[in-house]
Amino acid sequence: MLLLQAPPPINVHADGTPLGEGINAMSWSNAEFAGLVPESLERTEDGYWRIRTPPSPAELSEYYARRYYQEARGSYEHSYGADELRHIRGKIALRWSLATDGQAGSGHLLDVGCGEGFVLAHGAEAGWSVRGIDFSDAGLRGQNPQLLHSLVTGDLFACLDREIAQGTGYDVVWLQNVLEHVIDPVALLRQLRALTRPGGRLVLTVPNDFSRLQHIALTSGRIDRSFWIAPPDHLSYFSADSLRRVTARTGWTCRNLLADFPVDWFLFNAQANYIADPTKGKPAHHARIALENMILDEDRTKVVTFFESLAALGMGRDLTVILEPS
């Protein structure tokens, strides 16, 4: 496989300001977690934490095969309420507008780990040619079966290698809550770099883990464990700062870094702490949906500014970065 190599660029904000200056500078480092994490984790040169001894590709493949088999036999066809669907589609629409600069027109979309296919559906409705890759067709079959013809199933890395060998290129590549699951996130970012056309975009979303908020919640006793450490599902753990570093090193320039709604603020309210009391989880989820839908209804520029400001402060349960090849 040919991996494009480029010197690490300086990540810049959409206005040209280098990330790491002014509002984007992070005075807190997730290295503060040293001594609080189990020996099974290690901190990488890019600053993200990872499982020290990850499962082998064969072990991970077997794990997901069992998981998807169980989901396919069970209730993978999740029933979403109207507010939840509005929330899913609203977040996709916001990220899509940033990835395409709000311009109409057609292009080629690749969604890696496409799951239930809501991003594919958005792209198809916009007139784009869409392709999805996932380990299983269970999610897509449950929510957007009309797009099954656009799906390739199998090992993500092998599927991407085939795309690269065929010389395929995409205008937008989407990687939502996938990077934290793979054994080698650096290799995956380089594969996606090879598949993204000049001027194209990568929309990358990961959980915001080992954040300052989580550190304070843990050391203040509001939570009794690092609940976000969840192998073998999650093998790597990214914060805003480490996400900027690893994407820069793999040949990407940052255009936008956004958070989503900081549902983990609820951990600081004893009446809403869903980790201390799991029965609070569903009310917290529905409150988050209602609040984020209200925010997403506002002017797009204001919404982007709000979520960028949260990310600059290291807040938000998920982080989304809009990247272009350097």
C-alpha atoms as a PDB file:
ATOM      1  CA  MET A   1       0.000   0.000   0.000  1.00  0.00           C
ATOM      2  CA  LEU A   2       1.285   3.475  -0.905  1.00  0.00           C
ATOM      3  CA  LEU A   3       1.060   5.879   2.009  1.00  0.00           C
ATOM      4  CA  LEU A   4       1.449   9.535   1.136  1.00  0.00           C
ATOM      5  CA  GLN A   5       4.142  11.183   3.234  1.00  0.00           C
ATOM      6  CA  ALA A   6       4.200  14.898   4.013  1.00  0.00           C
ATOM      7  CA  PRO A   7       5.970  17.039   6.592  1.00  0.00           C
ATOM      8  CA  PRO A   8       3.721  17.787   9.585  1.00  0.00           C
ATOM      9  CA  PRO A   9       1.927  21.068   8.745  1.00  0.00           C
ATOM     10  CA  ILE A  10       0.863  23.742  11.183  1.00  0.00           C
ATOM     11  CA  ASN A  11      -2.844  23.218  11.718  1.00  0.00           C
ATOM     12  CA  VAL A  12      -4.731  26.409  11.043  1.00  0.00           C
ATOM     13  CA  HIS A  13      -8.200  27.695  11.770  1.00  0.00           C
ATOM     14  CA  ALA A  14     -10.446  28.657   8.858  1.00  0.00           C
ATOM     15  CA  ASP A  15      -9.368  32.305   9.256  1.00  0.00           C
ATOM     16  CA  GLY A  16      -5.711  31.323   8.894  1.00  0.00           C
ATOM     17  CA  THR A  17      -4.837  31.603  12.582  1.00  0.00           C
ATOM     18  CA  PRO A  18      -2.559  28.712  13.643  1.00  0.00           C
ATOM     19  CA  LEU A  19      -4.219  26.400  16.127  1.00  0.00           C
ATOM     20  CA  GLY A  20      -2.371  26.579  19.403  1.00  0.00           C
ATOM     21  CA  GLU A  21      -2.394  30.384  19.488  1.00  0.00           C
ATOM     22  CA  GLY A  22      -4.859  32.617  21.288  1.00  0.00           C
ATOM     23  CA  ILE A  23      -8.213  31.012  22.023  1.00  0.00           C
ATOM     24  CA  ASN A  24      -7.065  27.639  20.679  1.00  0.00           C
ATOM     25  CA  ALA A  25      -4.116  27.316  23.066  1.00  0.00           C
ATOM     26  CA  MET A  26      -4.635  24.588  25.649  1.00  0.00           C
ATOM     27  CA  SER A  27      -2.896  25.321  28.948  1.00  0.00           C
ATOM     28  CA  TRP A  28      -3.884  21.904  30.343  1.00  0.00           C
ATOM     29  CA  SER A  29      -2.393  18.598  29.199  1.00  0.00           C
ATOM     30  CA  ASN A  30      -3.909  15.143  29.463  1.00  0.00           C
ATOM     31  CA  ALA A  31      -0.520  14.066  30.824  1.00  0.00           C
ATOM     32  CA  GLU A  32      -2.088  15.133  34.148  1.00  0.00           C
ATOM     33  CA  PHE A  33      -3.795  11.731  34.098  1.00  0.00           C
ATOM     34  CA  ALA A  34      -0.456  10.002  34.678  1.00  0.00           C
ATOM     35  CA  GLY A  35      -0.807   8.021  37.890  1.00  0.00           C
ATOM     36  CA  LEU A  36      -4.592   7.831  37.502  1.00  0.00           C
ATOM     37  CA  VAL A  37      -4.723   5.402  34.585  1.00  0.00           C
ATOM     38  CA  PRO A  38      -4.236   1.638  34.680  1.00  0.00           C
ATOM     39  CA  GLU A  39      -0.929   0.123  33.592  1.00  0.00           C
ATOM     40  CA  SER A  40      -2.727  -1.270  30.560  1.00  0.00           C
ATOM     41  CA  LEU A  41      -2.657   2.206  28.950  1.00  0.00           C
ATOM     42  CA  GLU A  42       0.199   4.310  27.601  1.00  0.00           C
ATOM     43  CA  ARG A  43       0.479   7.877  26.297  1.00  0.00           C
ATOM     44  CA  THR A  44       1.746   8.239  22.723  1.00  0.00           C
ATOM     45  CA  GLU A  45       4.105  10.802  21.226  1.00  0.00           C
ATOM     46  CA  ASP A  46       1.048  12.630  19.859  1.00  0.00           C
ATOM     47  CA  GLY A  47      -0.443  12.863  23.333  1.00  0.00           C
ATOM     48  CA  TYR A  48      -3.347  10.453  22.959  1.00  0.00           C
ATOM     49  CA  TRP A  49      -3.713   7.466  25.258  1.00  0.00           C
ATOM     50  CA  ARG A  50      -3.984   3.925  23.916  1.00  0.00           C
ATOM     51  CA  ILE A  51      -4.174   0.332  25.076  1.00  0.00           C
ATOM     52  CA  ARG A  52      -0.591  -0.774  25.655  1.00  0.00           C
ATOM     53  CA  THR A  53      -1.143  -4.315  24.350  1.00  0.00           C
ATOM     54  CA  PRO A  54      -4.018  -4.180  21.864  1.00  0.00           C
ATOM     55  CA  PRO A  55      -5.777  -7.273  20.566  1.00  0.00           C
ATOM     56  CA  SER A  56      -4.434  -8.797  17.378  1.00  0.00           C
ATOM     57  CA  PRO A  57      -6.305  -8.092  14.127  1.00  0.00           C
ATOM     58  CA  ALA A  58      -7.646 -11.661  14.245  1.00  0.00           C
ATOM     59  CA  GLU A  59      -8.864 -11.267  17.830  1.00  0.00           C
ATOM     60  CA  LEU A  60     -10.517  -7.937  17.062  1.00  0.00           C
ATOM     61  CA  SER A  61     -12.146  -9.325  13.929  1.00  0.00           C
ATOM     62  CA  GLU A  62     -13.530 -12.256  15.916  1.00  0.00           C
ATOM     63  CA  TYR A  63     -14.838  -9.907  18.607  1.00  0.00           C
ATOM     64  CA  TYR A  64     -16.721  -7.737  16.110  1.00  0.00           C
ATOM     65  CA  ALA A  65     -17.986 -10.756  14.202  1.00  0.00           C
ATOM     66  CA  ARG A  66     -19.612 -12.034  17.415  1.00  0.00           C
ATOM     67  CA  ARG A  67     -20.937  -8.591  18.270  1.00  0.00           C
ATOM     68  CA  TYR A  68     -22.497  -7.945  14.872  1.00  0.00           C
ATOM     69  CA  TYR A  69     -23.907 -11.460  14.767  1.00  0.00           C
ATOM     70  CA  GLN A  70     -25.651 -10.849  18.080  1.00  0.00           C
ATOM     71  CA  GLU A  71     -26.916  -7.450  16.928  1.00  0.00           C
ATOM     72  CA  ALA A  72     -28.173  -8.847  13.637  1.00  0.00           C
ATOM     73  CA  ARG A  73     -30.110 -11.517  15.539  1.00  0.00           C
ATOM     74  CA  GLY A  74     -31.353  -9.060  18.127  1.00  0.00           C
ATOM     75  CA  SER A  75     -32.728  -5.556  18.045  1.00  0.00           C
ATOM     76  CA  TYR A  76     -30.240  -3.632  15.906  1.00  0.00           C
ATOM     77  CA  GLU A  77     -33.197  -1.967  14.180  1.00  0.00           C
ATOM     78  CA  HIS A  78     -33.281   0.787  16.759  1.00  0.00           C
ATOM     79  CA  SER A  79     -36.427   2.878  16.835  1.00  0.00           C
ATOM     80  CA  TYR A  80     -35.651   6.593  16.873  1.00  0.00           C
ATOM     81  CA  GLY A  81     -38.119   9.218  18.000  1.00  0.00           C
ATOM     82  CA  ALA A  82     -38.777  12.324  15.935  1.00  0.00           C
ATOM     83  CA  ASP A  83     -36.495  14.479  18.110  1.00  0.00           C
ATOM     84  CA  GLU A  84     -33.679  11.940  17.880  1.00  0.00           C
ATOM     85  CA  LEU A  85     -33.909  11.783  14.086  1.00  0.00           C
ATOM     86  CA  ARG A  86     -33.932  15.572  13.941  1.00  0.00           C
ATOM     87  CA  HIS A  87     -30.830  15.570  16.142  1.00  0.00           C
ATOM     88  CA  ILE A  88     -28.954  13.007  14.021  1.00  0.00           C
ATOM     89  CA  ARG A  89     -29.777  14.790  10.775  1.00  0.00           C
ATOM     90  CA  GLY A  90     -29.110  18.251  12.190  1.00  0.00           C
ATOM     91  CA  LYS A  91     -25.585  17.339  13.286  1.00  0.00           C
ATOM     92  CA  ILE A  92     -24.865  15.711   9.931  1.00  0.00           C
ATOM     93  CA  ALA A  93     -26.166  18.779   8.086  1.00  0.00           C
ATOM     94  CA  LEU A  94     -23.913  21.100  10.105  1.00  0.00           C
ATOM     95  CA  ARG A  95     -20.795  19.029   9.462  1.00  0.00           C
ATOM     96  CA  TRP A  96     -21.744  18.553   5.810  1.00  0.00           C
ATOM     97  CA  SER A  97     -22.051  22.305   5.313  1.00  0.00           C
ATOM     98  CA  LEU A  98     -18.518  22.776   6.662  1.00  0.00           C
ATOM     99  CA  ALA A  99     -17.108  19.933   4.574  1.00  0.00           C
ATOM    100  CA  THR A 100     -18.637  21.334   1.381  1.00  0.00           C
ATOM    101  CA  ASP A 101     -18.262  25.043   2.249  1.00  0.00           C
ATOM    102  CA  GLY A 102     -22.046  25.267   2.054  1.00  0.00           C
ATOM    103  CA  GLN A 103     -21.908  24.879  -1.721  1.00  0.00           C
ATOM    104  CA  ALA A 104     -24.472  22.925  -3.718  1.00  0.00           C
ATOM    105  CA  GLY A 105     -23.347  20.481  -6.366  1.00  0.00           C
ATOM    106  CA  SER A 106     -22.377  16.849  -6.678  1.00  0.00           C
ATOM    107  CA  GLY A 107     -19.316  14.899  -5.649  1.00  0.00           C
ATOM    108  CA  HIS A 108     -18.132  11.575  -4.284  1.00  0.00           C
ATOM    109  CA  LEU A 109     -18.615  10.622  -0.620  1.00  0.00           C
ATOM    110  CA  LEU A 110     -16.978   7.765   1.265  1.00  0.00           C
ATOM    111  CA  ASP A 111     -18.326   6.940   4.740  1.00  0.00           C
ATOM    112  CA  VAL A 112     -15.956   4.605   6.573  1.00  0.00           C
ATOM    113  CA  GLY A 113     -17.848   2.767   9.287  1.00  0.00           C
ATOM    114  CA  CYS A 114     -21.151   3.975   7.888  1.00  0.00           C
ATOM    115  CA  GLY A 115     -23.299   2.166  10.464  1.00  0.00           C
ATOM    116  CA  GLU A 116     -26.971   2.944   9.971  1.00  0.00           C
ATOM    117  CA  GLY A 117     -26.321   5.026   6.874  1.00  0.00           C
ATOM    118  CA  PHE A 118     -27.672   8.443   7.840  1.00  0.00           C
ATOM    119  CA  VAL A 119     -24.630  10.209   6.362  1.00  0.00           C
ATOM    120  CA  LEU A 120     -24.941   8.187   3.153  1.00  0.00           C
ATOM    121  CA  ALA A 121     -28.616   9.129   2.975  1.00  0.00           C
ATOM    122  CA  HIS A 122     -27.770  12.823   3.411  1.00  0.00           C
ATOM    123  CA  GLY A 123     -25.177  12.649   0.641  1.00  0.00           C
ATOM    124  CA  ALA A 124     -27.472  10.763  -1.714  1.00  0.00           C
ATOM    125  CA  GLU A 125     -30.272  13.271  -1.122  1.00  0.00           C
ATOM    126  CA  ALA A 126     -27.796  16.043  -1.998  1.00  0.00           C
ATOM    127  CA  GLY A 127     -27.148  14.368  -5.355  1.00  0.00           C
ATOM    128  CA  TRP A 128     -23.775  12.864  -4.487  1.00  0.00           C
ATOM    129  CA  SER A 129     -22.372   9.482  -5.441  1.00  0.00           C
ATOM    130  CA  VAL A 130     -22.001   7.608  -2.141  1.00  0.00           C
ATOM    131  CA  ARG A 131     -20.108   4.564  -0.923  1.00  0.00           C
ATOM    132  CA  GLY A 132     -20.105   3.088   2.564  1.00  0.00           C
ATOM    133  CA  ILE A 133     -17.738   0.626   4.222  1.00  0.00           C
ATOM    134  CA  ASP A 134     -18.611  -1.352   7.340  1.00  0.00           C
ATOM    135  CA  PHE A 135     -17.957  -4.692   8.953  1.00  0.00           C
ATOM    136  CA  SER A 136     -21.631  -5.649   8.639  1.00  0.00           C
ATOM    137  CA  ASP A 137     -24.754  -4.539   6.793  1.00  0.00           C
ATOM    138  CA  ALA A 138     -26.950  -4.844   9.917  1.00  0.00           C
ATOM    139  CA  GLY A 139     -27.131  -1.121  10.684  1.00  0.00           C
ATOM    140  CA  LEU A 140     -27.780  -0.019   7.120  1.00  0.00           C
ATOM    141  CA  ARG A 141     -30.327  -2.766   6.603  1.00  0.00           C
ATOM    142  CA  GLY A 142     -32.183  -1.582   9.703  1.00  0.00           C
ATOM    143  CA  GLN A 143     -32.349   2.154   8.932  1.00  0.00           C
ATOM    144  CA  ASN A 144     -31.551   2.894   5.273  1.00  0.00           C
ATOM    145  CA  PRO A 145     -31.928  -0.347   3.298  1.00  0.00           C
ATOM    146  CA  GLN A 146     -32.374   1.599   0.061  1.00  0.00           C
ATOM    147  CA  LEU A 147     -28.613   2.238   0.160  1.00  0.00           C
ATOM    148  CA  LEU A 148     -27.442  -1.365   0.573  1.00  0.00           C
ATOM    149  CA  HIS A 149     -26.195  -1.301  -3.023  1.00  0.00           C
ATOM    150  CA  SER A 150     -23.694   1.394  -1.969  1.00  0.00           C
ATOM    151  CA  LEU A 151     -22.191  -0.704   0.852  1.00  0.00           C
ATOM    152  CA  VAL A 152     -18.958  -2.693   0.886  1.00  0.00           C
ATOM    153  CA  THR A 153     -18.580  -5.030   3.877  1.00  0.00           C
ATOM    154  CA  GLY A 154     -15.402  -6.422   5.374  1.00  0.00           C
ATOM    155  CA  ASP A 155     -12.270  -5.355   7.217  1.00  0.00           C
ATOM    156  CA  LEU A 156     -11.942  -1.567   6.982  1.00  0.00           C
ATOM    157  CA  PHE A 157      -8.201  -1.552   6.308  1.00  0.00           C
ATOM    158  CA  ALA A 158      -8.469  -4.215   3.582  1.00  0.00           C
ATOM    159  CA  CYS A 159     -11.385  -2.422   1.937  1.00  0.00           C
ATOM    160  CA  LEU A 160      -9.480   0.873   1.951  1.00  0.00           C
ATOM    161  CA  ASP A 161      -6.370  -0.793   0.519  1.00  0.00           C
ATOM    162  CA  ARG A 162      -8.472  -2.011  -2.403  1.00  0.00           C
ATOM    163  CA  GLU A 163      -9.865   1.487  -2.946  1.00  0.00           C
ATOM    164  CA  ILE A 164      -6.326   2.912  -2.966  1.00  0.00           C
ATOM    165  CA  ALA A 165      -5.074   0.212  -5.363  1.00  0.00           C
ATOM    166  CA  GLN A 166      -7.913   1.080  -7.749  1.00  0.00           C
ATOM    167  CA  GLY A 167      -6.911   4.750  -7.687  1.00  0.00           C
ATOM    168  CA  THR A 168     -10.263   5.829  -6.274  1.00  0.00           C
ATOM    169  CA  GLY A 169     -10.592   9.361  -4.929  1.00  0.00           C
ATOM    170  CA  TYR A 170     -13.275  11.094  -2.883  1.00  0.00           C
ATOM    171  CA  ASP A 171     -14.311  14.694  -2.338  1.00  0.00           C
ATOM    172  CA  VAL A 172     -15.565  14.053   1.197  1.00  0.00           C
ATOM    173  CA  VAL A 173     -14.480  11.201   3.450  1.00  0.00           C
ATOM    174  CA  TRP A 174     -16.454  10.667   6.661  1.00  0.00           C
ATOM    175  CA  LEU A 175     -15.088   8.868   9.718  1.00  0.00           C
ATOM    176  CA  GLN A 176     -17.512   9.144  12.613  1.00  0.00           C
ATOM    177  CA  ASN A 177     -16.659   7.392  15.896  1.00  0.00           C
ATOM    178  CA  VAL A 178     -14.373   4.868  14.222  1.00  0.00           C
ATOM    179  CA  LEU A 179     -10.787   6.021  14.848  1.00  0.00           C
ATOM    180  CA  GLU A 180     -10.942   5.097  18.532  1.00  0.00           C
ATOM    181  CA  HIS A 181     -11.829   1.502  17.630  1.00  0.00           C
ATOM    182  CA  VAL A 182      -8.917   0.599  15.354  1.00  0.00           C
ATOM    183  CA  ILE A 183      -5.552  -0.881  16.318  1.00  0.00           C
ATOM    184  CA  ASP A 184      -3.531   1.615  14.257  1.00  0.00           C
ATOM    185  CA  PRO A 185      -5.224   5.034  13.975  1.00  0.00           C
ATOM    186  CA  VAL A 186      -2.144   6.599  12.358  1.00  0.00           C
ATOM    187  CA  ALA A 187      -2.220   4.069   9.512  1.00  0.00           C
ATOM    188  CA  LEU A 188      -5.947   4.684   9.023  1.00  0.00           C
ATOM    189  CA  LEU A 189      -5.478   8.457   8.822  1.00  0.00           C
ATOM    190  CA  ARG A 190      -2.784   7.954   6.185  1.00  0.00           C
ATOM    191  CA  GLN A 191      -5.010   5.618   4.186  1.00  0.00           C
ATOM    192  CA  LEU A 192      -7.779   8.224   4.199  1.00  0.00           C
ATOM    193  CA  ARG A 193      -5.244  10.868   3.176  1.00  0.00           C
ATOM    194  CA  ALA A 194      -4.426   8.751   0.122  1.00  0.00           C
ATOM    195  CA  LEU A 195      -8.128   8.517  -0.791  1.00  0.00           C
ATOM    196  CA  THR A 196      -9.005  12.204  -0.399  1.00  0.00           C
ATOM    197  CA  ARG A 197      -8.763  14.282  -3.545  1.00  0.00           C
ATOM    198  CA  PRO A 198      -6.845  17.593  -3.556  1.00  0.00           C
ATOM    199  CA  GLY A 199      -9.199  20.149  -2.047  1.00  0.00           C
ATOM    200  CA  GLY A 200     -11.307  17.379  -0.528  1.00  0.00           C
ATOM    201  CA  ARG A 201     -12.239  17.069   3.128  1.00  0.00           C
ATOM    202  CA  LEU A 202     -12.160  14.519   5.909  1.00  0.00           C
ATOM    203  CA  VAL A 203     -14.888  14.795   8.550  1.00  0.00           C
ATOM    204  CA  LEU A 204     -13.489  13.050  11.618  1.00  0.00           C
ATOM    205  CA  THR A 205     -15.419  12.569  14.876  1.00  0.00           C
ATOM    206  CA  VAL A 206     -14.054  10.944  18.034  1.00  0.00           C
ATOM    207  CA  PRO A 207     -15.067  10.883  21.706  1.00  0.00           C
ATOM    208  CA  ASN A 208     -13.403  13.631  23.741  1.00  0.00           C
ATOM    209  CA  ASP A 209     -11.533  11.512  26.284  1.00  0.00           C
ATOM    210  CA  PHE A 210      -8.925  12.200  28.957  1.00  0.00           C
ATOM    211  CA  SER A 211     -10.225  15.762  29.006  1.00  0.00           C
ATOM    212  CA  ARG A 212      -9.747  18.278  31.788  1.00  0.00           C
ATOM    213  CA  LEU A 213     -13.433  17.929  32.663  1.00  0.00           C
ATOM    214  CA  GLN A 214     -13.036  14.180  33.120  1.00  0.00           C
ATOM    215  CA  HIS A 215      -9.897  14.741  35.201  1.00  0.00           C
ATOM    216  CA  ILE A 216     -11.727  17.117  37.563  1.00  0.00           C
ATOM    217  CA  ALA A 217     -14.774  14.842  37.756  1.00  0.00           C
ATOM    218  CA  LEU A 218     -12.510  11.937  38.690  1.00  0.00           C
ATOM    219  CA  THR A 219     -10.225  13.690  41.179  1.00  0.00           C
ATOM    220  CA  SER A 220     -13.129  15.481  42.878  1.00  0.00           C
ATOM    221  CA  GLY A 221     -14.985  12.214  43.466  1.00  0.00           C
ATOM    222  CA  ARG A 222     -17.938  13.028  41.207  1.00  0.00           C
ATOM    223  CA  ILE A 223     -17.175   9.802  39.361  1.00  0.00           C
ATOM    224  CA  ASP A 224     -15.427   6.783  40.846  1.00  0.00           C
ATOM    225  CA  ARG A 225     -13.778   5.400  37.702  1.00  0.00           C
ATOM    226  CA  SER A 226     -12.524   6.332  34.240  1.00  0.00           C
ATOM    227  CA  PHE A 227     -15.739   5.139  32.599  1.00  0.00           C
ATOM    228  CA  TRP A 228     -14.562   6.057  29.089  1.00  0.00           C
ATOM    229  CA  ILE A 229     -11.813   3.402  29.118  1.00  0.00           C
ATOM    230  CA  ALA A 230     -13.616   0.574  27.351  1.00  0.00           C
ATOM    231  CA  PRO A 231     -11.455  -2.005  25.561  1.00  0.00           C
ATOM    232  CA  PRO A 232     -11.735  -3.841  23.260  1.00  0.00           C
ATOM    233  CA  ASP A 233     -14.324  -1.441  21.844  1.00  0.00           C
ATOM    234  CA  HIS A 234     -12.176   1.654  22.364  1.00  0.00           C
ATOM    235  CA  LEU A 235      -8.433   1.212  21.905  1.00  0.00           C
ATOM    236  CA  SER A 236      -7.318   4.862  21.580  1.00  0.00           C
ATOM    237  CA  TYR A 237      -8.478   7.972  23.435  1.00  0.00           C
ATOM    238  CA  PHE A 238      -8.218  11.459  21.936  1.00  0.00           C
ATOM    239  CA  SER A 239      -8.475  14.962  23.379  1.00  0.00           C
ATOM    240  CA  ALA A 240      -8.654  18.196  21.369  1.00  0.00           C
ATOM    241  CA  ASP A 241      -4.906  18.731  21.606  1.00  0.00           C
ATOM    242  CA  SER A 242      -3.860  15.178  20.751  1.00  0.00           C
ATOM    243  CA  LEU A 243      -6.334  15.080  17.858  1.00  0.00           C
ATOM    244  CA  ARG A 244      -4.713  18.167  16.357  1.00  0.00           C
ATOM    245  CA  ARG A 245      -1.268  16.626  16.745  1.00  0.00           C
ATOM    246  CA  VAL A 246      -1.968  13.238  15.220  1.00  0.00           C
ATOM    247  CA  THR A 247      -3.861  14.667  12.245  1.00  0.00           C
ATOM    248  CA  ALA A 248      -1.072  17.161  11.538  1.00  0.00           C
ATOM    249  CA  ARG A 249       1.531  14.408  11.639  1.00  0.00           C
ATOM    250  CA  THR A 250      -0.417  12.286   9.153  1.00  0.00           C
ATOM    251  CA  GLY A 251      -0.660  14.984   6.500  1.00  0.00           C
ATOM    252  CA  TRP A 252      -3.796  16.955   7.322  1.00  0.00           C
ATOM    253  CA  THR A 253      -4.550  20.637   7.840  1.00  0.00           C
ATOM    254  CA  CYS A 254      -7.367  21.569  10.221  1.00  0.00           C
ATOM    255  CA  ARG A 255     -10.098  23.900   8.982  1.00  0.00           C
ATOM    256  CA  ASN A 256     -12.522  23.565  11.879  1.00  0.00           C
ATOM    257  CA  LEU A 257     -12.473  21.854  15.258  1.00  0.00           C
ATOM    258  CA  LEU A 258     -15.883  21.591  16.885  1.00  0.00           C
ATOM    259  CA  ALA A 259     -17.320  19.958  19.964  1.00  0.00           C
ATOM    260  CA  ASP A 260     -20.858  18.754  20.395  1.00  0.00           C
ATOM    261  CA  PHE A 261     -23.107  19.302  23.407  1.00  0.00           C
ATOM    262  CA  PRO A 262     -21.171  18.688  26.667  1.00  0.00           C
ATOM    263  CA  VAL A 263     -23.503  16.116  28.187  1.00  0.00           C
ATOM    264  CA  ASP A 264     -20.774  15.315  30.719  1.00  0.00           C
ATOM    265  CA  TRP A 265     -21.516  18.644  32.414  1.00  0.00           C
ATOM    266  CA  PHE A 266     -24.347  16.672  34.019  1.00  0.00           C
ATOM    267  CA  LEU A 267     -21.720  14.768  36.029  1.00  0.00           C
ATOM    268  CA  PHE A 268     -21.283  17.887  38.153  1.00  0.00           C
ATOM    269  CA  ASN A 269     -24.928  17.826  39.270  1.00  0.00           C
ATOM    270  CA  ALA A 270     -25.629  15.080  41.795  1.00  0.00           C
ATOM    271  CA  GLN A 271     -29.253  14.953  40.614  1.00  0.00           C
ATOM    272  CA  ALA A 272     -28.214  14.301  37.003  1.00  0.00           C
ATOM    273  CA  ASN A 273     -24.967  12.326  37.355  1.00  0.00           C
ATOM    274  CA  TYR A 274     -25.602   9.397  35.013  1.00  0.00           C
ATOM    275  CA  ILE A 275     -22.346   7.616  35.935  1.00  0.00           C
ATOM    276  CA  ALA A 276     -23.016   7.627  39.682  1.00  0.00           C
ATOM    277  CA  ASP A 277     -26.655   6.680  38.994  1.00  0.00           C
ATOM    278  CA  PRO A 278     -27.249   4.944  35.629  1.00  0.00           C
ATOM    279  CA  THR A 279     -31.009   5.565  35.908  1.00  0.00           C
ATOM    280  CA  LYS A 280     -30.192   9.204  35.111  1.00  0.00           C
ATOM    281  CA  GLY A 281     -28.788   8.199  31.718  1.00  0.00           C
ATOM    282  CA  LYS A 282     -31.977   8.326  29.692  1.00  0.00           C
ATOM    283  CA  PRO A 283     -33.152  11.702  31.090  1.00  0.00           C
ATOM    284  CA  ALA A 284     -29.667  13.120  30.446  1.00  0.00           C
ATOM    285  CA  HIS A 285     -29.780  11.818  26.878  1.00  0.00           C
ATOM    286  CA  HIS A 286     -33.176  13.371  26.185  1.00  0.00           C
ATOM    287  CA  ALA A 287     -32.145  16.678  27.770  1.00  0.00           C
ATOM    288  CA  ARG A 288     -29.049  16.731  25.580  1.00  0.00           C
ATOM    289  CA  ILE A 289     -31.151  16.035  22.468  1.00  0.00           C
ATOM    290  CA  ALA A 290     -33.598  18.851  23.268  1.00  0.00           C
ATOM    291  CA  LEU A 291     -30.872  21.388  24.045  1.00  0.00           C
ATOM    292  CA  GLU A 292     -28.713  20.542  21.042  1.00  0.00           C
ATOM    293  CA  ASN A 293     -31.710  20.641  18.694  1.00  0.00           C
ATOM    294  CA  MET A 294     -32.474  24.126  20.005  1.00  0.00           C
ATOM    295  CA  ILE A 295     -28.876  25.196  19.348  1.00  0.00           C
ATOM    296  CA  LEU A 296     -28.834  23.668  15.866  1.00  0.00           C
ATOM    297  CA  ASP A 297     -31.922  25.704  14.944  1.00  0.00           C
ATOM    298  CA  GLU A 298     -29.909  28.928  15.220  1.00  0.00           C
ATOM    299  CA  ASP A 299     -27.895  30.719  12.536  1.00  0.00           C
ATOM    300  CA  ARG A 300     -25.179  28.396  11.233  1.00  0.00           C
ATOM    301  CA  THR A 301     -22.341  30.866  11.805  1.00  0.00           C
ATOM    302  CA  LYS A 302     -23.370  31.309  15.439  1.00  0.00           C
ATOM    303  CA  VAL A 303     -23.702  27.560  15.910  1.00  0.00           C
ATOM    304  CA  VAL A 304     -20.228  26.924  14.485  1.00  0.00           C
ATOM    305  CA  THR A 305     -18.748  29.643  16.703  1.00  0.00           C
ATOM    306  CA  PHE A 306     -20.409  28.114  19.774  1.00  0.00           C
ATOM    307  CA  PHE A 307     -19.173  24.590  19.095  1.00  0.00           C
ATOM    308  CA  GLU A 308     -15.693  25.792  18.105  1.00  0.00           C
ATOM    309  CA  SER A 309     -15.471  27.690  21.390  1.00  0.00           C
ATOM    310  CA  LEU A 310     -16.421  24.572  23.353  1.00  0.00           C
ATOM    311  CA  ALA A 311     -13.709  22.599  21.546  1.00  0.00           C
ATOM    312  CA  ALA A 312     -11.133  25.330  22.221  1.00  0.00           C
ATOM    313  CA  LEU A 313     -11.922  24.926  25.927  1.00  0.00           C
ATOM    314  CA  GLY A 314     -11.587  21.147  25.688  1.00  0.00           C
ATOM    315  CA  MET A 315     -15.320  20.677  26.307  1.00  0.00           C
ATOM    316  CA  GLY A 316     -17.924  18.554  24.511  1.00  0.00           C
ATOM    317  CA  ARG A 317     -18.516  14.800  24.651  1.00  0.00           C
ATOM    318  CA  ASP A 318     -17.428  14.346  21.031  1.00  0.00           C
ATOM    319  CA  LEU A 319     -14.978  16.310  18.912  1.00  0.00           C
ATOM    320  CA  THR A 320     -15.302  16.787  15.156  1.00  0.00           C
ATOM    321  CA  VAL A 321     -12.465  18.082  13.029  1.00  0.00           C
ATOM    322  CA  ILE A 322     -12.865  19.156   9.396  1.00  0.00           C
ATOM    323  CA  LEU A 323      -9.576  18.399   7.653  1.00  0.00           C
ATOM    324  CA  GLU A 324      -8.072  18.867   4.214  1.00  0.00           C
ATOM    325  CA  PRO A 325      -4.934  17.270   2.775  1.00  0.00           C
ATOM    326  CA  SER A 326      -1.824  19.353   3.430  1.00  0.00           C
END
